[in-house]
Amino acid sequence: MLPMPSFDAPQNASQTESMRRPRFKRVPPKTALTMAPTLFEVLELVYQFRALRSHHIAMHLPHRHQRGLSHSLRLLFDHGLLDKRLCGLYECDTYLLTKRGLALLAGRDLPPRYLFLEGGLDIKLSTEWEHGMMTIDLLSNLKIGAEAAGCRLIAAEEMLATATSATPFIFPRHAEYTDRKSRKVVPYTLVPDGFAGVEYPNGKRAYFAIEAEHNKPHSRFDDDDPASTQSSSRKKIKQYRDVDWQQVYANLGIGNLRVMMVAPTAKQIKGKFAVARSVVKQSHLFLGQAVPVVGTQDVPTMPEIFDAPWLRIGLPPEQINRVTLKRR
């Protein structure tokens, strides 16, 4: 798929003046906006994921011509229905719904959301942008990859209908650990970064918690050290192992659970799994994959990640597509 061009980066001199507007500055519209179905489909798509990069939007809407989609994004931005990430270093614009955009969608028959604030499943995009976008990019890629394989990605919001608690995505497994700085014993609660399921053509379903492990430079330097007893990775691995043993995920009305652990590079995810092997020698519970983030390299669309081999602890790599399910 060709990269989605920014709507304010004209490709040639023949483009109209409206396509040369400032990149991150709204231009007050001269006329009222008539909401066509093509505009609503963009808003509803961003609504499903909370935020989407422009080339991911193009991936989900292959029937839209790039020029027309760019114009739709420009209109929605200028009329205050969409916001953009205000960072000129980002090659591809990233869009979020504004309060006005959410209000416009009220009362419509909206598709299920993959990320939302209810149920304890919250990503703080304002303070943990790269961390949050790793989860969003993964869900976006998995949705397209699953559909290409004849499967369906089950949105987290669908699971609320069968949940037995008000915050089903906060697993009630409270542990204590010693804080690195204060050395005090503090409580630790397990909250996944994301959640999704896959419905296969034969009707079977598999469910996955998502853990995006993005280490910032010069912070948590011992997080990937297998000898560290207090690393974030080690705590999460132990807690997910307990969740699996006790079947705590039953409060979501599901019968199985595995954990997708993603990191920006293959080296980092191997480091996470080195920590995991110091906790458990073999496990099918954890699946590892590299998902690039802004700041490391260009972030391409990766729908093929659904068919790619995922790293496991002490076991051969595994695929999550329908081929793997048939062998079980």
C-alpha atoms as a PDB file:
ATOM      1  CA  MET A   1       0.000   0.000   0.000  1.00  0.00           C
ATOM      2  CA  LEU A   2       1.307   3.432  -0.895  1.00  0.00           C
ATOM      3  CA  PRO A   3       1.951   5.760   2.052  1.00  0.00           C
ATOM      4  CA  MET A   4      -0.875   8.112   2.873  1.00  0.00           C
ATOM      5  CA  PRO A   5       0.282  11.652   2.004  1.00  0.00           C
ATOM      6  CA  SER A   6      -0.297  14.482   4.420  1.00  0.00           C
ATOM      7  CA  PHE A   7      -3.135  16.635   3.135  1.00  0.00           C
ATOM      8  CA  ASP A   8      -1.031  19.785   3.480  1.00  0.00           C
ATOM      9  CA  ALA A   9       1.978  18.522   1.528  1.00  0.00           C
ATOM     10  CA  PRO A  10       1.092  19.241  -2.131  1.00  0.00           C
ATOM     11  CA  GLN A  11       2.659  16.837  -4.605  1.00  0.00           C
ATOM     12  CA  ASN A  12       2.737  19.306  -7.487  1.00  0.00           C
ATOM     13  CA  ALA A  13       1.926  22.882  -8.404  1.00  0.00           C
ATOM     14  CA  SER A  14      -1.428  21.978  -9.914  1.00  0.00           C
ATOM     15  CA  GLN A  15      -2.998  21.214  -6.560  1.00  0.00           C
ATOM     16  CA  THR A  16      -5.536  23.702  -5.325  1.00  0.00           C
ATOM     17  CA  GLU A  17      -4.738  26.389  -2.792  1.00  0.00           C
ATOM     18  CA  SER A  18      -6.851  24.573  -0.185  1.00  0.00           C
ATOM     19  CA  MET A  19      -4.309  21.749  -0.213  1.00  0.00           C
ATOM     20  CA  ARG A  20      -1.507  24.166   0.804  1.00  0.00           C
ATOM     21  CA  ARG A  21      -2.965  25.206   4.132  1.00  0.00           C
ATOM     22  CA  PRO A  22      -0.858  25.151   7.308  1.00  0.00           C
ATOM     23  CA  ARG A  23      -0.186  21.682   8.595  1.00  0.00           C
ATOM     24  CA  PHE A  24      -1.234  22.046  12.229  1.00  0.00           C
ATOM     25  CA  LYS A  25      -3.338  25.216  12.123  1.00  0.00           C
ATOM     26  CA  ARG A  26      -7.073  25.187  11.491  1.00  0.00           C
ATOM     27  CA  VAL A  27      -8.318  27.489   8.770  1.00  0.00           C
ATOM     28  CA  PRO A  28     -11.735  28.927   9.744  1.00  0.00           C
ATOM     29  CA  PRO A  29     -14.262  27.524   7.247  1.00  0.00           C
ATOM     30  CA  LYS A  30     -16.308  29.988   5.229  1.00  0.00           C
ATOM     31  CA  THR A  31     -19.318  27.694   4.883  1.00  0.00           C
ATOM     32  CA  ALA A  32     -21.114  25.159   7.063  1.00  0.00           C
ATOM     33  CA  LEU A  33     -20.078  21.540   6.713  1.00  0.00           C
ATOM     34  CA  THR A  34     -22.547  19.116   5.142  1.00  0.00           C
ATOM     35  CA  MET A  35     -21.881  15.717   6.707  1.00  0.00           C
ATOM     36  CA  ALA A  36     -21.740  13.195   3.875  1.00  0.00           C
ATOM     37  CA  PRO A  37     -21.507   9.421   4.522  1.00  0.00           C
ATOM     38  CA  THR A  38     -17.824   9.538   3.548  1.00  0.00           C
ATOM     39  CA  LEU A  39     -17.156  11.970   6.405  1.00  0.00           C
ATOM     40  CA  PHE A  40     -19.070   9.896   8.931  1.00  0.00           C
ATOM     41  CA  GLU A  41     -17.123   6.760   7.989  1.00  0.00           C
ATOM     42  CA  VAL A  42     -13.865   8.535   8.866  1.00  0.00           C
ATOM     43  CA  LEU A  43     -15.200   9.752  12.223  1.00  0.00           C
ATOM     44  CA  GLU A  44     -16.571   6.318  13.113  1.00  0.00           C
ATOM     45  CA  LEU A  45     -13.282   4.653  12.216  1.00  0.00           C
ATOM     46  CA  VAL A  46     -11.286   6.966  14.488  1.00  0.00           C
ATOM     47  CA  TYR A  47     -13.962   6.454  17.162  1.00  0.00           C
ATOM     48  CA  GLN A  48     -13.289   2.710  17.138  1.00  0.00           C
ATOM     49  CA  PHE A  49      -9.566   3.087  17.887  1.00  0.00           C
ATOM     50  CA  ARG A  50      -9.452   6.441  19.791  1.00  0.00           C
ATOM     51  CA  ALA A  51      -6.655   7.585  17.448  1.00  0.00           C
ATOM     52  CA  LEU A  52      -5.377   6.545  14.025  1.00  0.00           C
ATOM     53  CA  ARG A  53      -2.496   7.508  11.789  1.00  0.00           C
ATOM     54  CA  SER A  54      -3.501   8.784   8.350  1.00  0.00           C
ATOM     55  CA  HIS A  55      -1.981   5.807   6.511  1.00  0.00           C
ATOM     56  CA  HIS A  56      -3.867   3.434   8.825  1.00  0.00           C
ATOM     57  CA  ILE A  57      -7.088   5.274   7.967  1.00  0.00           C
ATOM     58  CA  ALA A  58      -6.280   4.716   4.285  1.00  0.00           C
ATOM     59  CA  MET A  59      -5.629   1.017   4.993  1.00  0.00           C
ATOM     60  CA  HIS A  60      -9.096   0.631   6.558  1.00  0.00           C
ATOM     61  CA  LEU A  61     -10.798   2.544   3.726  1.00  0.00           C
ATOM     62  CA  PRO A  62      -9.227   1.078   0.564  1.00  0.00           C
ATOM     63  CA  HIS A  63     -12.220   2.173  -1.528  1.00  0.00           C
ATOM     64  CA  ARG A  64     -11.372   5.835  -0.915  1.00  0.00           C
ATOM     65  CA  HIS A  65      -9.053   7.629  -3.318  1.00  0.00           C
ATOM     66  CA  GLN A  66      -6.097   9.211  -1.533  1.00  0.00           C
ATOM     67  CA  ARG A  67      -6.948  12.700  -2.757  1.00  0.00           C
ATOM     68  CA  GLY A  68     -10.573  12.429  -1.640  1.00  0.00           C
ATOM     69  CA  LEU A  69      -9.627  10.983   1.740  1.00  0.00           C
ATOM     70  CA  SER A  70      -7.070  13.736   2.292  1.00  0.00           C
ATOM     71  CA  HIS A  71      -9.756  16.312   1.522  1.00  0.00           C
ATOM     72  CA  SER A  72     -12.149  14.662   4.011  1.00  0.00           C
ATOM     73  CA  LEU A  73      -9.516  14.778   6.744  1.00  0.00           C
ATOM     74  CA  ARG A  74      -8.846  18.431   5.965  1.00  0.00           C
ATOM     75  CA  LEU A  75     -12.550  19.316   6.223  1.00  0.00           C
ATOM     76  CA  LEU A  76     -13.037  17.421   9.490  1.00  0.00           C
ATOM     77  CA  PHE A  77      -9.951  19.067  10.954  1.00  0.00           C
ATOM     78  CA  ASP A  78     -10.848  22.611   9.903  1.00  0.00           C
ATOM     79  CA  HIS A  79     -14.394  22.222  11.259  1.00  0.00           C
ATOM     80  CA  GLY A  80     -13.083  21.072  14.629  1.00  0.00           C
ATOM     81  CA  LEU A  81     -14.353  17.489  14.476  1.00  0.00           C
ATOM     82  CA  LEU A  82     -10.874  15.934  14.412  1.00  0.00           C
ATOM     83  CA  ASP A  83      -7.658  16.873  16.179  1.00  0.00           C
ATOM     84  CA  LYS A  84      -4.100  16.091  15.149  1.00  0.00           C
ATOM     85  CA  ARG A  85      -0.950  15.258  17.038  1.00  0.00           C
ATOM     86  CA  LEU A  86       0.933  18.562  17.193  1.00  0.00           C
ATOM     87  CA  CYS A  87       4.428  17.346  16.372  1.00  0.00           C
ATOM     88  CA  GLY A  88       6.055  18.272  13.096  1.00  0.00           C
ATOM     89  CA  LEU A  89       8.464  15.335  13.368  1.00  0.00           C
ATOM     90  CA  TYR A  90       5.641  12.902  12.647  1.00  0.00           C
ATOM     91  CA  GLU A  91       5.729  11.978   8.989  1.00  0.00           C
ATOM     92  CA  CYS A  92       2.147  10.742   9.018  1.00  0.00           C
ATOM     93  CA  ASP A  93      -0.568  12.782  10.709  1.00  0.00           C
ATOM     94  CA  THR A  94      -2.369  11.103  13.603  1.00  0.00           C
ATOM     95  CA  TYR A  95      -6.017  11.964  14.225  1.00  0.00           C
ATOM     96  CA  LEU A  96      -8.192  11.963  17.333  1.00  0.00           C
ATOM     97  CA  LEU A  97     -11.854  12.849  17.818  1.00  0.00           C
ATOM     98  CA  THR A  98     -12.625  16.162  19.469  1.00  0.00           C
ATOM     99  CA  LYS A  99     -15.491  16.663  21.926  1.00  0.00           C
ATOM    100  CA  ARG A 100     -17.422  18.225  19.079  1.00  0.00           C
ATOM    101  CA  GLY A 101     -16.770  15.175  16.919  1.00  0.00           C
ATOM    102  CA  LEU A 102     -17.960  12.836  19.664  1.00  0.00           C
ATOM    103  CA  ALA A 103     -21.100  14.919  20.141  1.00  0.00           C
ATOM    104  CA  LEU A 104     -21.850  14.679  16.423  1.00  0.00           C
ATOM    105  CA  LEU A 105     -21.711  10.872  16.616  1.00  0.00           C
ATOM    106  CA  ALA A 106     -24.114  10.715  19.558  1.00  0.00           C
ATOM    107  CA  GLY A 107     -27.283   8.835  18.665  1.00  0.00           C
ATOM    108  CA  ARG A 108     -25.787   7.049  15.666  1.00  0.00           C
ATOM    109  CA  ASP A 109     -25.518   3.270  15.393  1.00  0.00           C
ATOM    110  CA  LEU A 110     -21.782   3.114  16.032  1.00  0.00           C
ATOM    111  CA  PRO A 111     -19.406   0.164  15.529  1.00  0.00           C
ATOM    112  CA  PRO A 112     -17.868  -1.483  18.631  1.00  0.00           C
ATOM    113  CA  ARG A 113     -14.759   0.153  20.024  1.00  0.00           C
ATOM    114  CA  TYR A 114     -11.377  -1.511  20.357  1.00  0.00           C
ATOM    115  CA  LEU A 115     -10.180   1.010  22.958  1.00  0.00           C
ATOM    116  CA  PHE A 116     -12.304   3.077  25.328  1.00  0.00           C
ATOM    117  CA  LEU A 117     -12.370   4.483  28.858  1.00  0.00           C
ATOM    118  CA  GLU A 118     -15.013   2.249  30.438  1.00  0.00           C
ATOM    119  CA  GLY A 119     -14.271  -1.050  32.147  1.00  0.00           C
ATOM    120  CA  GLY A 120     -10.814   0.016  33.261  1.00  0.00           C
ATOM    121  CA  LEU A 121      -9.295  -0.259  29.769  1.00  0.00           C
ATOM    122  CA  ASP A 122      -7.681   3.151  29.420  1.00  0.00           C
ATOM    123  CA  ILE A 123      -4.657   4.394  27.498  1.00  0.00           C
ATOM    124  CA  LYS A 124      -3.343   7.794  28.536  1.00  0.00           C
ATOM    125  CA  LEU A 125      -2.571   9.187  25.102  1.00  0.00           C
ATOM    126  CA  SER A 126      -1.834  12.601  26.588  1.00  0.00           C
ATOM    127  CA  THR A 127       1.081  11.382  28.717  1.00  0.00           C
ATOM    128  CA  GLU A 128       2.078   8.052  27.140  1.00  0.00           C
ATOM    129  CA  TRP A 129       1.713   8.739  23.444  1.00  0.00           C
ATOM    130  CA  GLU A 130       4.198   6.266  21.968  1.00  0.00           C
ATOM    131  CA  HIS A 131       3.132   3.577  24.440  1.00  0.00           C
ATOM    132  CA  GLY A 132      -0.523   4.067  23.545  1.00  0.00           C
ATOM    133  CA  MET A 133       0.067   4.188  19.807  1.00  0.00           C
ATOM    134  CA  MET A 134       1.855   0.828  19.918  1.00  0.00           C
ATOM    135  CA  THR A 135      -1.367  -0.757  21.163  1.00  0.00           C
ATOM    136  CA  ILE A 136      -3.516   1.166  18.683  1.00  0.00           C
ATOM    137  CA  ASP A 137      -1.259   0.303  15.729  1.00  0.00           C
ATOM    138  CA  LEU A 138      -1.294  -3.369  16.737  1.00  0.00           C
ATOM    139  CA  LEU A 139      -5.094  -3.510  16.965  1.00  0.00           C
ATOM    140  CA  SER A 140      -5.457  -1.687  13.654  1.00  0.00           C
ATOM    141  CA  ASN A 141      -3.087  -4.092  11.897  1.00  0.00           C
ATOM    142  CA  LEU A 142      -4.671  -7.165  13.485  1.00  0.00           C
ATOM    143  CA  LYS A 143      -8.149  -6.117  12.324  1.00  0.00           C
ATOM    144  CA  ILE A 144      -7.135  -5.866   8.673  1.00  0.00           C
ATOM    145  CA  GLY A 145      -4.949  -8.977   8.864  1.00  0.00           C
ATOM    146  CA  ALA A 146      -7.734 -11.023  10.452  1.00  0.00           C
ATOM    147  CA  GLU A 147     -10.254  -9.969   7.815  1.00  0.00           C
ATOM    148  CA  ALA A 148      -7.825 -10.875   5.030  1.00  0.00           C
ATOM    149  CA  ALA A 149      -7.517 -14.365   6.563  1.00  0.00           C
ATOM    150  CA  GLY A 150     -11.285 -14.828   6.759  1.00  0.00           C
ATOM    151  CA  CYS A 151     -11.401 -14.162  10.502  1.00  0.00           C
ATOM    152  CA  ARG A 152     -12.900 -11.377  12.607  1.00  0.00           C
ATOM    153  CA  LEU A 153     -11.206  -9.297  15.280  1.00  0.00           C
ATOM    154  CA  ILE A 154     -13.489  -9.133  18.318  1.00  0.00           C
ATOM    155  CA  ALA A 155     -13.562  -5.655  19.802  1.00  0.00           C
ATOM    156  CA  ALA A 156     -13.081  -5.255  23.545  1.00  0.00           C
ATOM    157  CA  GLU A 157     -16.407  -3.419  23.795  1.00  0.00           C
ATOM    158  CA  GLU A 158     -18.245  -6.573  22.697  1.00  0.00           C
ATOM    159  CA  MET A 159     -17.015  -8.324  25.833  1.00  0.00           C
ATOM    160  CA  LEU A 160     -18.691  -5.819  28.152  1.00  0.00           C
ATOM    161  CA  ALA A 161     -22.055  -7.423  27.361  1.00  0.00           C
ATOM    162  CA  THR A 162     -20.987 -10.688  29.012  1.00  0.00           C
ATOM    163  CA  ALA A 163     -18.767  -9.244  31.751  1.00  0.00           C
ATOM    164  CA  THR A 164     -19.703  -9.907  35.378  1.00  0.00           C
ATOM    165  CA  SER A 165     -17.952  -6.888  36.922  1.00  0.00           C
ATOM    166  CA  ALA A 166     -17.961  -3.132  36.379  1.00  0.00           C
ATOM    167  CA  THR A 167     -14.245  -3.075  35.537  1.00  0.00           C
ATOM    168  CA  PRO A 168     -13.642  -6.434  33.832  1.00  0.00           C
ATOM    169  CA  PHE A 169     -10.343  -5.361  32.268  1.00  0.00           C
ATOM    170  CA  ILE A 170      -8.770  -4.752  35.669  1.00  0.00           C
ATOM    171  CA  PHE A 171      -7.827  -8.232  36.787  1.00  0.00           C
ATOM    172  CA  PRO A 172      -8.394  -8.593  40.550  1.00  0.00           C
ATOM    173  CA  ARG A 173      -4.932  -9.938  41.271  1.00  0.00           C
ATOM    174  CA  HIS A 174      -3.340  -7.621  43.819  1.00  0.00           C
ATOM    175  CA  ALA A 175       0.322  -8.283  44.511  1.00  0.00           C
ATOM    176  CA  GLU A 176       2.945  -6.320  46.397  1.00  0.00           C
ATOM    177  CA  TYR A 177       6.448  -5.413  45.347  1.00  0.00           C
ATOM    178  CA  THR A 178       9.287  -3.252  46.617  1.00  0.00           C
ATOM    179  CA  ASP A 179       9.478   0.135  44.918  1.00  0.00           C
ATOM    180  CA  ARG A 180      12.825   0.777  43.217  1.00  0.00           C
ATOM    181  CA  LYS A 181      13.372   4.235  44.681  1.00  0.00           C
ATOM    182  CA  SER A 182      11.603   4.266  48.037  1.00  0.00           C
ATOM    183  CA  ARG A 183      12.165   0.540  48.770  1.00  0.00           C
ATOM    184  CA  LYS A 184       8.690   0.523  50.268  1.00  0.00           C
ATOM    185  CA  VAL A 185       6.239  -2.294  49.685  1.00  0.00           C
ATOM    186  CA  VAL A 186       3.412  -0.988  47.485  1.00  0.00           C
ATOM    187  CA  PRO A 187       0.362  -2.671  45.875  1.00  0.00           C
ATOM    188  CA  TYR A 188       0.400  -3.703  42.221  1.00  0.00           C
ATOM    189  CA  THR A 189      -2.716  -4.296  40.116  1.00  0.00           C
ATOM    190  CA  LEU A 190      -2.667  -5.912  36.682  1.00  0.00           C
ATOM    191  CA  VAL A 191      -4.292  -3.810  33.938  1.00  0.00           C
ATOM    192  CA  PRO A 192      -3.733  -4.786  30.263  1.00  0.00           C
ATOM    193  CA  ASP A 193      -2.851  -2.088  27.738  1.00  0.00           C
ATOM    194  CA  GLY A 194      -5.441  -3.510  25.358  1.00  0.00           C
ATOM    195  CA  PHE A 195      -7.707  -6.474  24.774  1.00  0.00           C
ATOM    196  CA  ALA A 196      -9.033  -8.236  21.688  1.00  0.00           C
ATOM    197  CA  GLY A 197     -10.316 -11.559  20.459  1.00  0.00           C
ATOM    198  CA  VAL A 198     -10.220 -13.457  17.190  1.00  0.00           C
ATOM    199  CA  GLU A 199     -13.220 -15.332  15.816  1.00  0.00           C
ATOM    200  CA  TYR A 200     -12.136 -18.013  13.354  1.00  0.00           C
ATOM    201  CA  PRO A 201     -14.144 -19.373  10.392  1.00  0.00           C
ATOM    202  CA  ASN A 202     -15.011 -22.547  12.333  1.00  0.00           C
ATOM    203  CA  GLY A 203     -16.625 -20.481  15.105  1.00  0.00           C
ATOM    204  CA  LYS A 204     -13.877 -20.896  17.701  1.00  0.00           C
ATOM    205  CA  ARG A 205     -12.588 -17.861  19.528  1.00  0.00           C
ATOM    206  CA  ALA A 206      -9.247 -16.920  21.060  1.00  0.00           C
ATOM    207  CA  TYR A 207      -8.718 -13.940  23.370  1.00  0.00           C
ATOM    208  CA  PHE A 208      -5.624 -11.858  23.952  1.00  0.00           C
ATOM    209  CA  ALA A 209      -4.517  -9.289  26.500  1.00  0.00           C
ATOM    210  CA  ILE A 210      -2.031  -6.797  25.030  1.00  0.00           C
ATOM    211  CA  GLU A 211       1.081  -5.541  26.803  1.00  0.00           C
ATOM    212  CA  ALA A 212       3.025  -2.808  24.995  1.00  0.00           C
ATOM    213  CA  GLU A 213       6.511  -2.662  26.485  1.00  0.00           C
ATOM    214  CA  HIS A 214       8.072   0.620  25.398  1.00  0.00           C
ATOM    215  CA  ASN A 215      11.176   1.483  27.423  1.00  0.00           C
ATOM    216  CA  LYS A 216      12.173   5.118  27.254  1.00  0.00           C
ATOM    217  CA  PRO A 217      15.916   5.893  27.040  1.00  0.00           C
ATOM    218  CA  HIS A 218      17.747   5.995  30.387  1.00  0.00           C
ATOM    219  CA  SER A 219      14.696   4.814  32.322  1.00  0.00           C
ATOM    220  CA  ARG A 220      13.931   1.404  33.788  1.00  0.00           C
ATOM    221  CA  PHE A 221      17.394   0.333  32.650  1.00  0.00           C
ATOM    222  CA  ASP A 222      17.147  -3.000  34.470  1.00  0.00           C
ATOM    223  CA  ASP A 223      13.700  -3.879  33.121  1.00  0.00           C
ATOM    224  CA  ASP A 224      15.132  -6.409  30.663  1.00  0.00           C
ATOM    225  CA  ASP A 225      17.682  -7.820  33.103  1.00  0.00           C
ATOM    226  CA  PRO A 226      16.759 -11.441  33.954  1.00  0.00           C
ATOM    227  CA  ALA A 227      18.623 -11.043  37.263  1.00  0.00           C
ATOM    228  CA  SER A 228      16.378  -8.161  38.354  1.00  0.00           C
ATOM    229  CA  THR A 229      13.692  -9.264  40.808  1.00  0.00           C
ATOM    230  CA  GLN A 230      11.652  -6.053  40.640  1.00  0.00           C
ATOM    231  CA  SER A 231      11.371  -5.352  36.919  1.00  0.00           C
ATOM    232  CA  SER A 232       8.045  -4.359  35.403  1.00  0.00           C
ATOM    233  CA  SER A 233       8.257  -7.255  32.943  1.00  0.00           C
ATOM    234  CA  ARG A 234       8.845  -9.791  35.708  1.00  0.00           C
ATOM    235  CA  LYS A 235       5.876  -8.521  37.759  1.00  0.00           C
ATOM    236  CA  LYS A 236       3.535  -8.691  34.771  1.00  0.00           C
ATOM    237  CA  ILE A 237       4.679 -12.158  33.749  1.00  0.00           C
ATOM    238  CA  LYS A 238       4.104 -13.527  37.244  1.00  0.00           C
ATOM    239  CA  GLN A 239       0.689 -11.895  37.469  1.00  0.00           C
ATOM    240  CA  TYR A 240      -0.492 -13.113  34.060  1.00  0.00           C
ATOM    241  CA  ARG A 241       0.668 -16.599  34.969  1.00  0.00           C
ATOM    242  CA  ASP A 242      -1.507 -16.377  38.078  1.00  0.00           C
ATOM    243  CA  VAL A 243      -4.432 -15.005  36.044  1.00  0.00           C
ATOM    244  CA  ASP A 244      -4.110 -18.019  33.743  1.00  0.00           C
ATOM    245  CA  TRP A 245      -3.874 -20.550  36.579  1.00  0.00           C
ATOM    246  CA  GLN A 246      -6.846 -19.125  38.461  1.00  0.00           C
ATOM    247  CA  GLN A 247      -8.842 -18.328  35.280  1.00  0.00           C
ATOM    248  CA  VAL A 248      -9.474 -14.807  36.556  1.00  0.00           C
ATOM    249  CA  TYR A 249     -10.394 -13.789  33.005  1.00  0.00           C
ATOM    250  CA  ALA A 250     -13.728 -15.595  33.506  1.00  0.00           C
ATOM    251  CA  ASN A 251     -15.157 -12.270  34.706  1.00  0.00           C
ATOM    252  CA  LEU A 252     -15.132 -11.285  31.013  1.00  0.00           C
ATOM    253  CA  GLY A 253     -17.297 -14.241  30.062  1.00  0.00           C
ATOM    254  CA  ILE A 254     -14.503 -15.829  28.022  1.00  0.00           C
ATOM    255  CA  GLY A 255     -12.972 -19.291  28.237  1.00  0.00           C
ATOM    256  CA  ASN A 256      -9.327 -18.673  27.335  1.00  0.00           C
ATOM    257  CA  LEU A 257      -6.689 -15.964  27.469  1.00  0.00           C
ATOM    258  CA  ARG A 258      -3.215 -15.409  26.088  1.00  0.00           C
ATOM    259  CA  VAL A 259      -0.925 -12.386  26.263  1.00  0.00           C
ATOM    260  CA  MET A 260       0.538 -10.487  23.313  1.00  0.00           C
ATOM    261  CA  MET A 261       3.737  -8.722  24.374  1.00  0.00           C
ATOM    262  CA  VAL A 262       5.002  -6.161  21.852  1.00  0.00           C
ATOM    263  CA  ALA A 263       8.113  -3.977  21.898  1.00  0.00           C
ATOM    264  CA  PRO A 264       9.585  -1.496  19.380  1.00  0.00           C
ATOM    265  CA  THR A 265      12.398  -3.788  18.197  1.00  0.00           C
ATOM    266  CA  ALA A 266      13.128  -7.500  17.935  1.00  0.00           C
ATOM    267  CA  LYS A 267      16.056  -7.015  20.337  1.00  0.00           C
ATOM    268  CA  GLN A 268      13.763  -5.555  22.992  1.00  0.00           C
ATOM    269  CA  ILE A 269      11.149  -8.285  22.723  1.00  0.00           C
ATOM    270  CA  LYS A 270      13.892 -10.913  23.016  1.00  0.00           C
ATOM    271  CA  GLY A 271      15.019  -9.115  26.178  1.00  0.00           C
ATOM    272  CA  LYS A 272      11.485  -9.324  27.575  1.00  0.00           C
ATOM    273  CA  PHE A 273      11.356 -13.022  26.863  1.00  0.00           C
ATOM    274  CA  ALA A 274      14.757 -13.556  28.478  1.00  0.00           C
ATOM    275  CA  VAL A 275      13.160 -12.160  31.635  1.00  0.00           C
ATOM    276  CA  ALA A 276      10.170 -14.449  31.077  1.00  0.00           C
ATOM    277  CA  ARG A 277      12.391 -17.527  30.813  1.00  0.00           C
ATOM    278  CA  SER A 278      13.857 -16.696  34.223  1.00  0.00           C
ATOM    279  CA  VAL A 279      10.313 -16.977  35.621  1.00  0.00           C
ATOM    280  CA  VAL A 280       8.965 -19.905  33.600  1.00  0.00           C
ATOM    281  CA  LYS A 281      10.981 -22.197  31.327  1.00  0.00           C
ATOM    282  CA  GLN A 282       8.194 -23.012  28.879  1.00  0.00           C
ATOM    283  CA  SER A 283       4.835 -21.388  28.263  1.00  0.00           C
ATOM    284  CA  HIS A 284       2.306 -21.041  25.455  1.00  0.00           C
ATOM    285  CA  LEU A 285       0.673 -18.176  27.387  1.00  0.00           C
ATOM    286  CA  PHE A 286       2.933 -15.378  26.089  1.00  0.00           C
ATOM    287  CA  LEU A 287       3.369 -14.333  22.454  1.00  0.00           C
ATOM    288  CA  GLY A 288       6.037 -11.799  21.457  1.00  0.00           C
ATOM    289  CA  GLN A 289       6.347  -9.541  18.426  1.00  0.00           C
ATOM    290  CA  ALA A 290       8.149  -6.333  17.436  1.00  0.00           C
ATOM    291  CA  VAL A 291       5.914  -3.341  16.587  1.00  0.00           C
ATOM    292  CA  PRO A 292       7.834  -0.206  15.487  1.00  0.00           C
ATOM    293  CA  VAL A 293       6.990   3.153  17.036  1.00  0.00           C
ATOM    294  CA  VAL A 294       7.690   6.725  16.006  1.00  0.00           C
ATOM    295  CA  GLY A 295      11.197   7.623  17.118  1.00  0.00           C
ATOM    296  CA  THR A 296      12.718   4.315  16.049  1.00  0.00           C
ATOM    297  CA  GLN A 297      11.860   4.213  12.346  1.00  0.00           C
ATOM    298  CA  ASP A 298       8.993   4.904   9.978  1.00  0.00           C
ATOM    299  CA  VAL A 299       5.865   3.133  11.163  1.00  0.00           C
ATOM    300  CA  PRO A 300       4.428   1.119   8.266  1.00  0.00           C
ATOM    301  CA  THR A 301       1.093  -0.621   8.206  1.00  0.00           C
ATOM    302  CA  MET A 302       1.652  -4.285   9.102  1.00  0.00           C
ATOM    303  CA  PRO A 303      -1.557  -6.314   8.561  1.00  0.00           C
ATOM    304  CA  GLU A 304       0.658  -9.329   7.844  1.00  0.00           C
ATOM    305  CA  ILE A 305       1.442  -9.459  11.573  1.00  0.00           C
ATOM    306  CA  PHE A 306      -1.699 -11.602  11.946  1.00  0.00           C
ATOM    307  CA  ASP A 307      -0.058 -14.365   9.888  1.00  0.00           C
ATOM    308  CA  ALA A 308       3.480 -13.815  11.191  1.00  0.00           C
ATOM    309  CA  PRO A 309       5.187 -16.193  13.647  1.00  0.00           C
ATOM    310  CA  TRP A 310       5.049 -14.967  17.254  1.00  0.00           C
ATOM    311  CA  LEU A 311       7.847 -15.715  19.700  1.00  0.00           C
ATOM    312  CA  ARG A 312       7.038 -18.040  22.623  1.00  0.00           C
ATOM    313  CA  ILE A 313       8.829 -18.930  25.860  1.00  0.00           C
ATOM    314  CA  GLY A 314      10.899 -22.087  25.426  1.00  0.00           C
ATOM    315  CA  LEU A 315       8.727 -23.249  22.513  1.00  0.00           C
ATOM    316  CA  PRO A 316       8.848 -22.824  18.719  1.00  0.00           C
ATOM    317  CA  PRO A 317       7.242 -19.661  17.304  1.00  0.00           C
ATOM    318  CA  GLU A 318       3.495 -19.828  16.728  1.00  0.00           C
ATOM    319  CA  GLN A 319       0.997 -18.171  14.410  1.00  0.00           C
ATOM    320  CA  ILE A 320      -2.372 -16.923  15.615  1.00  0.00           C
ATOM    321  CA  ASN A 321      -4.138 -17.317  12.288  1.00  0.00           C
ATOM    322  CA  ARG A 322      -6.634 -20.042  11.459  1.00  0.00           C
ATOM    323  CA  VAL A 323      -3.908 -22.485  10.361  1.00  0.00           C
ATOM    324  CA  THR A 324      -2.646 -22.742  13.948  1.00  0.00           C
ATOM    325  CA  LEU A 325      -6.142 -23.216  15.340  1.00  0.00           C
ATOM    326  CA  LYS A 326      -6.804 -26.190  13.076  1.00  0.00           C
ATOM    327  CA  ARG A 327      -3.810 -28.002  14.543  1.00  0.00           C
ATOM    328  CA  ARG A 328      -5.234 -27.775  18.063  1.00  0.00           C
END
